[in-house]
Amino acid sequence: MGVDIRNLEKTLLSDNWYTLNKVSFDLQNQRGQWQRQEREVYDRGNGATILLYNLKKRSVILTSQFRIPTYLNGNANGMLIETCAGLLDQDNPEECIKRETEEETGFKVDKVKKVFEAYMSPGAVTELLYFFVAEYSDEMKVSQGGGLEHEQENIDVLELDFKQACDMVDSGEIKDGKTIMLLQYAKLNSLFG
C-alpha cells in the first residue's frame, strides 16, 4: 500500500544543531482526494545503539547521562539510563556502534550482531536507529569510557544485573525507548537462558 504525494516543498527553519524543516505537500487520501498538509520535520541523521551483555555475570552495560529534553518534560534531575548509542556520521552502523561503545563505555568490541532497525519518532523525526547486541567481558575494557569531552559528553557507565535492569523498566527508573526495546529483545530471545 503506497501513497501519492505531489508539490513537496521544504523550508529551512533552523540548522543550528541539526536541521528543522517545514515540509508542505499534497497527499492523496484513501478516498482519492488530495489534501494539503504541513509538518515540521527534524533531521538529526541516523543512529545506532547496542546492548552489551555478559552471560557469565548475567549483566548488561548501560549508561547514564543528562538529557535536557527529559528535564523539560518532567524528569526531575534530567538523568536518563540508556543503552550506548550514537549518530552514524559518515560511518556504517556497525562501525559507528563499535566506535561509540569504546568512547562511551570503555569496552572494545569486535563482534556485534544487528538485531533490528526502527524509526523512533516518525511523526516528526527522520532518524532510523540500528539496534545491536554484543557480548562483553572484563578483558575487553580498554578505558573508563564516559564519552568525548569535545562533544560535551558526561556519561556514567553502569554495569547492572540483567534482572535488575528489567525491574528498573517495570519501576519506571528506565524510561528510554531504545533501552527498553533492547532489554525486551534480550528477554524475548532468551539471551540469558
C-alpha atoms as a PDB file:
ATOM      1  CA  MET A   1       0.000   0.000   0.000  1.00  0.00           C
ATOM      2  CA  GLY A   2       1.658   3.189  -1.188  1.00  0.00           C
ATOM      3  CA  VAL A   3       0.700   6.815  -1.121  1.00  0.00           C
ATOM      4  CA  ASP A   4       0.786   9.515  -3.741  1.00  0.00           C
ATOM      5  CA  ILE A   5       2.477  12.790  -2.847  1.00  0.00           C
ATOM      6  CA  ARG A   6       2.910  15.867  -5.009  1.00  0.00           C
ATOM      7  CA  ASN A   7       4.005  19.501  -4.648  1.00  0.00           C
ATOM      8  CA  LEU A   8       6.583  18.701  -1.938  1.00  0.00           C
ATOM      9  CA  GLU A   9       8.182  21.898  -0.588  1.00  0.00           C
ATOM     10  CA  LYS A  10      10.766  22.273   2.194  1.00  0.00           C
ATOM     11  CA  THR A  11      11.511  25.479   4.073  1.00  0.00           C
ATOM     12  CA  LEU A  12      14.518  25.526   6.403  1.00  0.00           C
ATOM     13  CA  LEU A  13      13.522  26.761   9.866  1.00  0.00           C
ATOM     14  CA  SER A  14      16.782  26.045  11.715  1.00  0.00           C
ATOM     15  CA  ASP A  15      20.168  24.464  11.142  1.00  0.00           C
ATOM     16  CA  ASN A  16      21.695  25.397  14.475  1.00  0.00           C
ATOM     17  CA  TRP A  17      22.411  21.878  15.766  1.00  0.00           C
ATOM     18  CA  TYR A  18      20.702  19.662  13.185  1.00  0.00           C
ATOM     19  CA  THR A  19      18.069  20.720  10.654  1.00  0.00           C
ATOM     20  CA  LEU A  20      14.439  21.579  11.217  1.00  0.00           C
ATOM     21  CA  ASN A  21      12.333  21.994   8.085  1.00  0.00           C
ATOM     22  CA  LYS A  22       8.739  22.959   7.454  1.00  0.00           C
ATOM     23  CA  VAL A  23       7.505  20.473   4.868  1.00  0.00           C
ATOM     24  CA  SER A  24       4.380  21.172   2.798  1.00  0.00           C
ATOM     25  CA  PHE A  25       2.899  18.604   0.443  1.00  0.00           C
ATOM     26  CA  ASP A  26      -0.275  17.326  -1.153  1.00  0.00           C
ATOM     27  CA  LEU A  27      -1.261  13.806  -0.074  1.00  0.00           C
ATOM     28  CA  GLN A  28      -3.923  11.705  -1.774  1.00  0.00           C
ATOM     29  CA  ASN A  29      -6.132  10.126   0.896  1.00  0.00           C
ATOM     30  CA  GLN A  30      -7.870   6.724   0.768  1.00  0.00           C
ATOM     31  CA  ARG A  31     -10.917   8.261  -0.953  1.00  0.00           C
ATOM     32  CA  GLY A  32      -8.753   9.619  -3.769  1.00  0.00           C
ATOM     33  CA  GLN A  33      -8.977  13.236  -2.591  1.00  0.00           C
ATOM     34  CA  TRP A  34      -5.924  15.486  -2.401  1.00  0.00           C
ATOM     35  CA  GLN A  35      -5.208  17.172   0.935  1.00  0.00           C
ATOM     36  CA  ARG A  36      -2.627  19.876   1.618  1.00  0.00           C
ATOM     37  CA  GLN A  37      -0.561  19.030   4.716  1.00  0.00           C
ATOM     38  CA  GLU A  38       2.218  20.788   6.607  1.00  0.00           C
ATOM     39  CA  ARG A  39       4.621  19.258   9.115  1.00  0.00           C
ATOM     40  CA  GLU A  40       7.810  20.243  10.896  1.00  0.00           C
ATOM     41  CA  VAL A  41      10.479  17.598  10.364  1.00  0.00           C
ATOM     42  CA  TYR A  42      13.666  17.343  12.421  1.00  0.00           C
ATOM     43  CA  ASP A  43      16.646  15.672  10.726  1.00  0.00           C
ATOM     44  CA  ARG A  44      19.471  14.723  13.052  1.00  0.00           C
ATOM     45  CA  GLY A  45      20.806  11.846  10.970  1.00  0.00           C
ATOM     46  CA  ASN A  46      20.550   8.129  11.612  1.00  0.00           C
ATOM     47  CA  GLY A  47      21.999   6.346  14.621  1.00  0.00           C
ATOM     48  CA  ALA A  48      22.931   3.063  16.232  1.00  0.00           C
ATOM     49  CA  THR A  49      22.530   1.612  19.718  1.00  0.00           C
ATOM     50  CA  ILE A  50      23.804  -1.511  21.468  1.00  0.00           C
ATOM     51  CA  LEU A  51      23.093  -3.715  24.458  1.00  0.00           C
ATOM     52  CA  LEU A  52      26.319  -5.146  25.871  1.00  0.00           C
ATOM     53  CA  TYR A  53      25.696  -8.334  27.844  1.00  0.00           C
ATOM     54  CA  ASN A  54      27.789 -10.806  29.833  1.00  0.00           C
ATOM     55  CA  LEU A  55      26.318 -14.304  30.107  1.00  0.00           C
ATOM     56  CA  LYS A  56      28.613 -15.466  32.906  1.00  0.00           C
ATOM     57  CA  LYS A  57      27.886 -12.479  35.142  1.00  0.00           C
ATOM     58  CA  ARG A  58      24.265 -12.177  33.863  1.00  0.00           C
ATOM     59  CA  SER A  59      24.865  -8.452  33.481  1.00  0.00           C
ATOM     60  CA  VAL A  60      24.406  -5.642  30.995  1.00  0.00           C
ATOM     61  CA  ILE A  61      26.235  -2.379  30.420  1.00  0.00           C
ATOM     62  CA  LEU A  62      24.086   0.755  30.350  1.00  0.00           C
ATOM     63  CA  THR A  63      24.928   4.438  30.536  1.00  0.00           C
ATOM     64  CA  SER A  64      23.514   7.402  32.416  1.00  0.00           C
ATOM     65  CA  GLN A  65      23.660  10.987  31.226  1.00  0.00           C
ATOM     66  CA  PHE A  66      21.819  14.292  31.431  1.00  0.00           C
ATOM     67  CA  ARG A  67      19.176  14.785  28.710  1.00  0.00           C
ATOM     68  CA  ILE A  68      17.686  18.293  28.589  1.00  0.00           C
ATOM     69  CA  PRO A  69      14.508  17.259  26.694  1.00  0.00           C
ATOM     70  CA  THR A  70      13.607  14.838  29.505  1.00  0.00           C
ATOM     71  CA  TYR A  71      14.315  17.508  32.112  1.00  0.00           C
ATOM     72  CA  LEU A  72      11.976  19.900  30.297  1.00  0.00           C
ATOM     73  CA  ASN A  73       9.305  17.179  30.244  1.00  0.00           C
ATOM     74  CA  GLY A  74       9.117  16.175  33.895  1.00  0.00           C
ATOM     75  CA  ASN A  75      12.318  14.203  34.561  1.00  0.00           C
ATOM     76  CA  ALA A  76      13.290  15.957  37.809  1.00  0.00           C
ATOM     77  CA  ASN A  77      17.069  15.552  37.538  1.00  0.00           C
ATOM     78  CA  GLY A  78      17.293  15.114  33.765  1.00  0.00           C
ATOM     79  CA  MET A  79      19.380  11.936  34.059  1.00  0.00           C
ATOM     80  CA  LEU A  80      18.435   9.080  31.748  1.00  0.00           C
ATOM     81  CA  ILE A  81      19.617   5.465  31.870  1.00  0.00           C
ATOM     82  CA  GLU A  82      20.233   4.239  28.331  1.00  0.00           C
ATOM     83  CA  THR A  83      21.972   1.773  26.097  1.00  0.00           C
ATOM     84  CA  CYS A  84      25.098   3.150  24.465  1.00  0.00           C
ATOM     85  CA  ALA A  85      24.196   4.993  21.242  1.00  0.00           C
ATOM     86  CA  GLY A  86      25.445   7.498  18.726  1.00  0.00           C
ATOM     87  CA  LEU A  87      24.895   9.120  15.361  1.00  0.00           C
ATOM     88  CA  LEU A  88      26.306   7.391  12.299  1.00  0.00           C
ATOM     89  CA  ASP A  89      28.060  10.500  10.994  1.00  0.00           C
ATOM     90  CA  GLN A  90      29.898   9.086   7.953  1.00  0.00           C
ATOM     91  CA  ASP A  91      30.212   5.521   9.295  1.00  0.00           C
ATOM     92  CA  ASN A  92      28.137   2.471   8.537  1.00  0.00           C
ATOM     93  CA  PRO A  93      26.000   1.344  11.506  1.00  0.00           C
ATOM     94  CA  GLU A  94      28.363  -1.443  12.617  1.00  0.00           C
ATOM     95  CA  GLU A  95      31.491   0.741  12.618  1.00  0.00           C
ATOM     96  CA  CYS A  96      29.575   3.526  14.344  1.00  0.00           C
ATOM     97  CA  ILE A  97      28.398   1.353  17.209  1.00  0.00           C
ATOM     98  CA  LYS A  98      31.836  -0.160  17.747  1.00  0.00           C
ATOM     99  CA  ARG A  99      33.326   3.364  17.973  1.00  0.00           C
ATOM    100  CA  GLU A 100      30.561   4.643  20.254  1.00  0.00           C
ATOM    101  CA  THR A 101      30.840   1.591  22.514  1.00  0.00           C
ATOM    102  CA  GLU A 102      34.511   2.258  23.145  1.00  0.00           C
ATOM    103  CA  GLU A 103      34.049   6.033  23.587  1.00  0.00           C
ATOM    104  CA  GLU A 104      31.057   5.789  25.919  1.00  0.00           C
ATOM    105  CA  THR A 105      31.595   2.548  27.857  1.00  0.00           C
ATOM    106  CA  GLY A 106      35.321   1.884  27.543  1.00  0.00           C
ATOM    107  CA  PHE A 107      34.711  -1.614  26.129  1.00  0.00           C
ATOM    108  CA  LYS A 108      36.301  -2.521  22.791  1.00  0.00           C
ATOM    109  CA  VAL A 109      34.017  -4.956  20.964  1.00  0.00           C
ATOM    110  CA  ASP A 110      34.986  -6.663  17.724  1.00  0.00           C
ATOM    111  CA  LYS A 111      31.830  -8.651  17.016  1.00  0.00           C
ATOM    112  CA  VAL A 112      28.378  -7.084  17.109  1.00  0.00           C
ATOM    113  CA  LYS A 113      25.060  -8.529  15.939  1.00  0.00           C
ATOM    114  CA  LYS A 114      22.415  -6.363  14.299  1.00  0.00           C
ATOM    115  CA  VAL A 115      19.008  -7.400  15.600  1.00  0.00           C
ATOM    116  CA  PHE A 116      16.615  -4.878  14.013  1.00  0.00           C
ATOM    117  CA  GLU A 117      16.133  -1.253  12.966  1.00  0.00           C
ATOM    118  CA  ALA A 118      13.331   1.182  13.784  1.00  0.00           C
ATOM    119  CA  TYR A 119      12.109   4.720  13.261  1.00  0.00           C
ATOM    120  CA  MET A 120      11.946   6.076  16.815  1.00  0.00           C
ATOM    121  CA  SER A 121       9.647   9.081  16.458  1.00  0.00           C
ATOM    122  CA  PRO A 122       8.324   9.001  12.869  1.00  0.00           C
ATOM    123  CA  GLY A 123       5.758  11.763  13.357  1.00  0.00           C
ATOM    124  CA  ALA A 124       8.452  14.450  13.498  1.00  0.00           C
ATOM    125  CA  VAL A 125      11.987  12.986  13.368  1.00  0.00           C
ATOM    126  CA  THR A 126      13.646  11.347  10.333  1.00  0.00           C
ATOM    127  CA  GLU A 127      16.088   9.198  12.370  1.00  0.00           C
ATOM    128  CA  LEU A 128      16.361   5.488  11.643  1.00  0.00           C
ATOM    129  CA  LEU A 129      18.047   3.669  14.533  1.00  0.00           C
ATOM    130  CA  TYR A 130      20.021   0.435  14.083  1.00  0.00           C
ATOM    131  CA  PHE A 131      19.914  -1.924  17.094  1.00  0.00           C
ATOM    132  CA  PHE A 132      22.806  -4.223  18.033  1.00  0.00           C
ATOM    133  CA  VAL A 133      23.782  -6.657  20.784  1.00  0.00           C
ATOM    134  CA  ALA A 134      27.262  -7.883  21.715  1.00  0.00           C
ATOM    135  CA  GLU A 135      28.849  -9.932  24.450  1.00  0.00           C
ATOM    136  CA  TYR A 136      31.424  -8.236  26.633  1.00  0.00           C
ATOM    137  CA  SER A 137      33.962  -9.406  29.184  1.00  0.00           C
ATOM    138  CA  ASP A 138      36.115  -7.589  31.720  1.00  0.00           C
ATOM    139  CA  GLU A 139      39.156  -8.208  29.483  1.00  0.00           C
ATOM    140  CA  MET A 140      37.585  -6.020  26.778  1.00  0.00           C
ATOM    141  CA  LYS A 141      37.720  -2.917  28.996  1.00  0.00           C
ATOM    142  CA  VAL A 142      40.309  -0.575  27.446  1.00  0.00           C
ATOM    143  CA  SER A 143      39.371   2.729  29.114  1.00  0.00           C
ATOM    144  CA  GLN A 144      36.989   4.301  31.617  1.00  0.00           C
ATOM    145  CA  GLY A 145      34.619   5.396  28.858  1.00  0.00           C
ATOM    146  CA  GLY A 146      32.435   8.378  29.657  1.00  0.00           C
ATOM    147  CA  GLY A 147      32.269   9.900  26.179  1.00  0.00           C
ATOM    148  CA  LEU A 148      34.286  12.569  24.457  1.00  0.00           C
ATOM    149  CA  GLU A 149      34.997  15.865  26.176  1.00  0.00           C
ATOM    150  CA  HIS A 150      34.936  17.867  22.930  1.00  0.00           C
ATOM    151  CA  GLU A 151      31.390  16.529  22.343  1.00  0.00           C
ATOM    152  CA  GLN A 152      30.462  17.694  25.866  1.00  0.00           C
ATOM    153  CA  GLU A 153      29.609  14.140  26.903  1.00  0.00           C
ATOM    154  CA  ASN A 154      29.477  13.335  30.620  1.00  0.00           C
ATOM    155  CA  ILE A 155      28.484   9.700  30.680  1.00  0.00           C
ATOM    156  CA  ASP A 156      28.428   7.348  33.657  1.00  0.00           C
ATOM    157  CA  VAL A 157      28.915   3.663  32.842  1.00  0.00           C
ATOM    158  CA  LEU A 158      26.625   1.255  34.700  1.00  0.00           C
ATOM    159  CA  GLU A 159      27.060  -2.497  34.976  1.00  0.00           C
ATOM    160  CA  LEU A 160      23.730  -3.928  36.096  1.00  0.00           C
ATOM    161  CA  ASP A 161      22.351  -7.371  36.742  1.00  0.00           C
ATOM    162  CA  PHE A 162      20.018  -8.196  33.817  1.00  0.00           C
ATOM    163  CA  LYS A 163      17.048  -8.856  36.104  1.00  0.00           C
ATOM    164  CA  GLN A 164      17.709  -5.601  37.950  1.00  0.00           C
ATOM    165  CA  ALA A 165      17.716  -3.701  34.634  1.00  0.00           C
ATOM    166  CA  CYS A 166      14.390  -5.309  33.651  1.00  0.00           C
ATOM    167  CA  ASP A 167      12.964  -4.472  37.084  1.00  0.00           C
ATOM    168  CA  MET A 168      14.064  -0.853  36.523  1.00  0.00           C
ATOM    169  CA  VAL A 169      11.897  -0.771  33.395  1.00  0.00           C
ATOM    170  CA  ASP A 170       8.941  -2.042  35.438  1.00  0.00           C
ATOM    171  CA  SER A 171       9.546   0.534  38.192  1.00  0.00           C
ATOM    172  CA  GLY A 172       9.962   3.424  35.742  1.00  0.00           C
ATOM    173  CA  GLU A 173      13.638   4.050  36.541  1.00  0.00           C
ATOM    174  CA  ILE A 174      14.447   3.192  32.912  1.00  0.00           C
ATOM    175  CA  LYS A 175      12.241   5.202  30.536  1.00  0.00           C
ATOM    176  CA  ASP A 176      14.362   5.311  27.387  1.00  0.00           C
ATOM    177  CA  GLY A 177      12.634   3.644  24.429  1.00  0.00           C
ATOM    178  CA  LYS A 178      15.699   2.155  22.737  1.00  0.00           C
ATOM    179  CA  THR A 179      16.885   0.686  26.036  1.00  0.00           C
ATOM    180  CA  ILE A 180      13.510  -0.867  26.797  1.00  0.00           C
ATOM    181  CA  MET A 181      13.402  -2.334  23.282  1.00  0.00           C
ATOM    182  CA  LEU A 182      16.827  -3.954  23.621  1.00  0.00           C
ATOM    183  CA  LEU A 183      16.124  -5.300  27.110  1.00  0.00           C
ATOM    184  CA  GLN A 184      12.858  -6.762  25.798  1.00  0.00           C
ATOM    185  CA  TYR A 185      14.747  -8.251  22.856  1.00  0.00           C
ATOM    186  CA  ALA A 186      17.152  -9.914  25.309  1.00  0.00           C
ATOM    187  CA  LYS A 187      14.231 -11.260  27.324  1.00  0.00           C
ATOM    188  CA  LEU A 188      12.205 -12.483  24.318  1.00  0.00           C
ATOM    189  CA  ASN A 189      15.225 -14.137  22.723  1.00  0.00           C
ATOM    190  CA  SER A 190      16.424 -15.699  25.984  1.00  0.00           C
ATOM    191  CA  LEU A 191      19.925 -14.228  25.767  1.00  0.00           C
ATOM    192  CA  PHE A 192      20.408 -15.226  29.400  1.00  0.00           C
ATOM    193  CA  GLY A 193      18.758 -18.627  29.067  1.00  0.00           C
END
